[in-house]
Protein backbone atom coordinates (compact mmCIF):
# COMPACT_ATOMS: atom_id res chain seq x y z
CA MET A 1 -2.34 6.08 -15.57
CA GLY A 2 -2.35 3.07 -13.66
CA ARG A 3 -5.33 1.88 -11.61
CA TYR A 4 -6.00 -0.95 -8.77
CA GLU A 5 -8.97 -3.61 -8.57
CA ILE A 6 -9.82 -5.64 -5.31
CA LEU A 7 -9.77 -9.28 -5.61
CA GLU A 8 -12.63 -11.02 -3.26
CA HIS A 9 -11.94 -15.05 -3.36
CA THR A 10 -13.63 -17.20 -0.75
CA ALA A 11 -10.81 -17.11 2.48
CA ASP A 12 -8.68 -13.88 0.93
CA LYS A 13 -8.93 -10.37 -0.19
CA GLY A 14 -6.46 -9.16 -2.52
CA LEU A 15 -5.51 -6.38 -5.00
CA GLU A 16 -3.83 -5.87 -8.84
CA VAL A 17 -2.18 -2.78 -9.07
CA HIS A 18 -1.39 -1.36 -13.17
CA ALA A 19 0.90 1.48 -13.27
CA SER A 20 3.01 2.84 -15.57
CA ASP A 21 5.99 3.14 -13.30
CA LEU A 22 7.64 2.51 -9.96
CA PRO A 23 6.17 5.30 -8.23
CA GLU A 24 2.83 5.08 -9.42
CA LEU A 25 2.72 1.41 -8.56
CA PHE A 26 3.83 1.96 -4.79
CA ARG A 27 1.06 4.64 -4.14
CA LEU A 28 -2.03 2.81 -5.68
CA ALA A 29 -0.80 -0.31 -3.75
CA GLY A 30 -0.58 2.14 -0.60
CA GLN A 31 -3.94 3.39 -1.79
CA GLY A 32 -5.39 0.46 -2.82
CA LEU A 33 -4.55 -1.23 0.63
CA PHE A 34 -6.59 0.79 2.67
CA ALA A 35 -9.53 0.73 0.21
CA LEU A 36 -9.92 -2.96 1.39
CA MET A 37 -10.79 -1.39 4.89
CA ILE A 38 -12.22 1.55 4.33
CA ASP A 39 -13.63 4.65 2.71
CA VAL A 40 -10.78 6.95 2.73
CA SER A 41 -12.68 9.62 1.26
CA ARG A 42 -14.58 10.09 4.45
CA TYR A 43 -11.17 11.29 5.89
CA PRO A 44 -9.69 13.40 4.17
CA PRO A 45 -5.90 13.73 5.31
CA THR A 46 -5.18 16.36 7.83
CA GLU A 47 -1.29 15.65 8.16
CA ARG A 48 2.07 14.03 6.26
CA VAL A 49 4.72 11.84 7.46
CA SER A 50 7.91 10.54 5.27
CA VAL A 51 7.71 6.86 5.19
CA GLN A 52 10.74 4.93 4.08
CA ARG A 53 11.87 1.39 3.89
CA ASP A 54 14.36 -0.54 1.84
CA ALA A 55 14.99 -4.48 1.24
CA PRO A 56 17.43 -6.39 -1.15
CA ASP A 57 14.63 -6.71 -3.96
CA LEU A 58 11.56 -5.73 -4.93
CA GLU A 59 9.04 -7.89 -3.96
CA MET A 60 10.14 -7.44 -0.44
CA LEU A 61 10.35 -3.61 -0.91
CA ILE A 62 6.66 -3.81 -1.52
CA VAL A 63 5.62 -5.94 1.02
CA ARG A 64 7.63 -4.43 3.73
CA TRP A 65 6.86 -0.80 2.90
CA LEU A 66 2.71 -2.10 3.12
CA ASN A 67 3.20 -3.63 6.48
CA GLU A 68 5.14 -0.59 7.35
CA LEU A 69 1.41 1.35 6.86
CA LEU A 70 -0.26 -0.99 8.61
CA TYR A 71 1.44 -0.83 11.65
CA GLN A 72 1.54 2.89 11.55
CA PHE A 73 -2.12 2.70 11.08
CA GLU A 74 -2.38 0.01 14.17
CA VAL A 75 0.18 1.41 16.45
CA SER A 76 -0.12 5.64 15.33
CA HIS A 77 -3.62 5.77 14.19
CA ARG A 78 -2.50 7.08 11.03
CA LEU A 79 -5.28 6.36 8.51
CA PHE A 80 -3.33 6.76 4.92
CA SER A 81 -4.95 8.34 1.69
CA ASP A 82 -2.37 9.44 -0.48
CA PHE A 83 1.19 9.34 -1.14
CA ASP A 84 3.12 11.85 -2.89
CA PRO A 85 5.68 12.16 -3.93
CA VAL A 86 7.25 8.58 -4.35
CA LYS A 87 10.64 7.84 -5.10
CA VAL A 88 11.58 3.94 -5.63
CA GLU A 89 15.39 3.84 -6.36
CA GLU A 90 18.03 1.02 -6.58
CA ARG A 91 21.44 1.90 -4.89
CA ASP A 92 23.92 -0.48 -4.21
CA GLY A 93 22.39 -3.75 -4.29
CA ARG A 94 19.32 -2.74 -2.56
CA TRP A 95 15.77 -1.11 -3.08
CA TYR A 96 14.72 1.98 -1.31
CA VAL A 97 11.47 3.66 -0.99
CA GLU A 98 10.16 7.11 0.27
CA SER A 99 7.02 8.49 0.24
CA LEU A 100 5.45 11.62 1.79
CA ALA A 101 2.36 9.72 3.01
CA HIS A 102 -0.77 11.89 3.61
CA TYR A 103 -2.75 10.93 6.41
CA ARG A 104 -5.66 11.68 9.49
CA PRO A 105 -5.54 10.78 12.73
CA ILE A 106 -7.82 8.88 13.93
CA GLN A 107 -8.77 6.03 16.38
CA PRO A 108 -10.17 2.81 14.92
CA ALA A 109 -13.57 2.42 16.58
CA GLU A 110 -14.64 5.81 14.81
CA LEU A 111 -13.91 4.43 11.85
CA GLU A 112 -17.06 3.21 9.39
CA TRP A 113 -15.34 0.31 8.56
CA ASP A 114 -15.90 -1.02 4.69
CA GLY A 115 -14.34 -4.51 5.66
CA ALA A 116 -12.70 -6.55 8.02
CA PRO A 117 -9.68 -4.60 9.21
CA VAL A 118 -6.21 -5.96 7.13
CA LYS A 119 -3.43 -7.63 9.29
CA SER A 120 -0.89 -8.08 7.27
CA VAL A 121 0.41 -8.32 3.73
CA THR A 122 1.47 -11.64 2.54
CA TYR A 123 4.04 -13.14 -0.12
CA HIS A 124 1.33 -15.80 -0.93
CA GLY A 125 0.07 -15.19 -4.29
CA LEU A 126 2.59 -12.11 -4.41
CA LYS A 127 3.78 -11.58 -8.44
CA LEU A 128 5.60 -8.33 -9.56
CA GLU A 129 6.47 -7.56 -13.23
CA GLN A 130 7.20 -5.23 -15.82
CA THR A 131 5.37 -5.63 -18.57
CA PRO A 132 5.10 -3.81 -21.91
CA GLU A 133 2.46 -1.53 -20.76
CA GLY A 134 4.19 -0.97 -16.98
CA TRP A 135 4.23 -2.49 -13.86
CA PHE A 136 1.58 -5.32 -12.68
CA LEU A 137 1.35 -5.89 -8.99
CA ARG A 138 -1.18 -8.63 -6.95
CA PHE A 139 -0.72 -9.46 -3.56
CA TYR A 140 -3.03 -10.74 -0.70
CA VAL A 141 -3.14 -9.82 2.79
CA ASP A 142 -4.49 -11.42 6.06
CA VAL A 143 -7.72 -10.10 7.26
């Protein structure tokens, strides 16, 4: 089973994710992204929405997908806590992700923040690789 670990650094916040396959990697990255800001266990999900993105490569796909989750959090006030199922595939030279994202509608002013709000996921320090044990991802965020 996969896991994520929050990375603390002087000026940055980040996440390392270890997963057995790509769907698990995307699920854990999404969960970890919100764990950087909030204890989502305090806000059980009540709604679901399909979230889809595409990109020419996997690195861009993970960044676009995570930034889409942040966009929906900021604009539609959706606090995501789980992503199941997640489908990741390559078709005709492009990568696609689609997930049923579980969330709770919430006003940001009502949240109990555990950290600074994340503004975006960056390419700075991004590392995505397949290893003999599965998949590894490291990314940093702007706060």
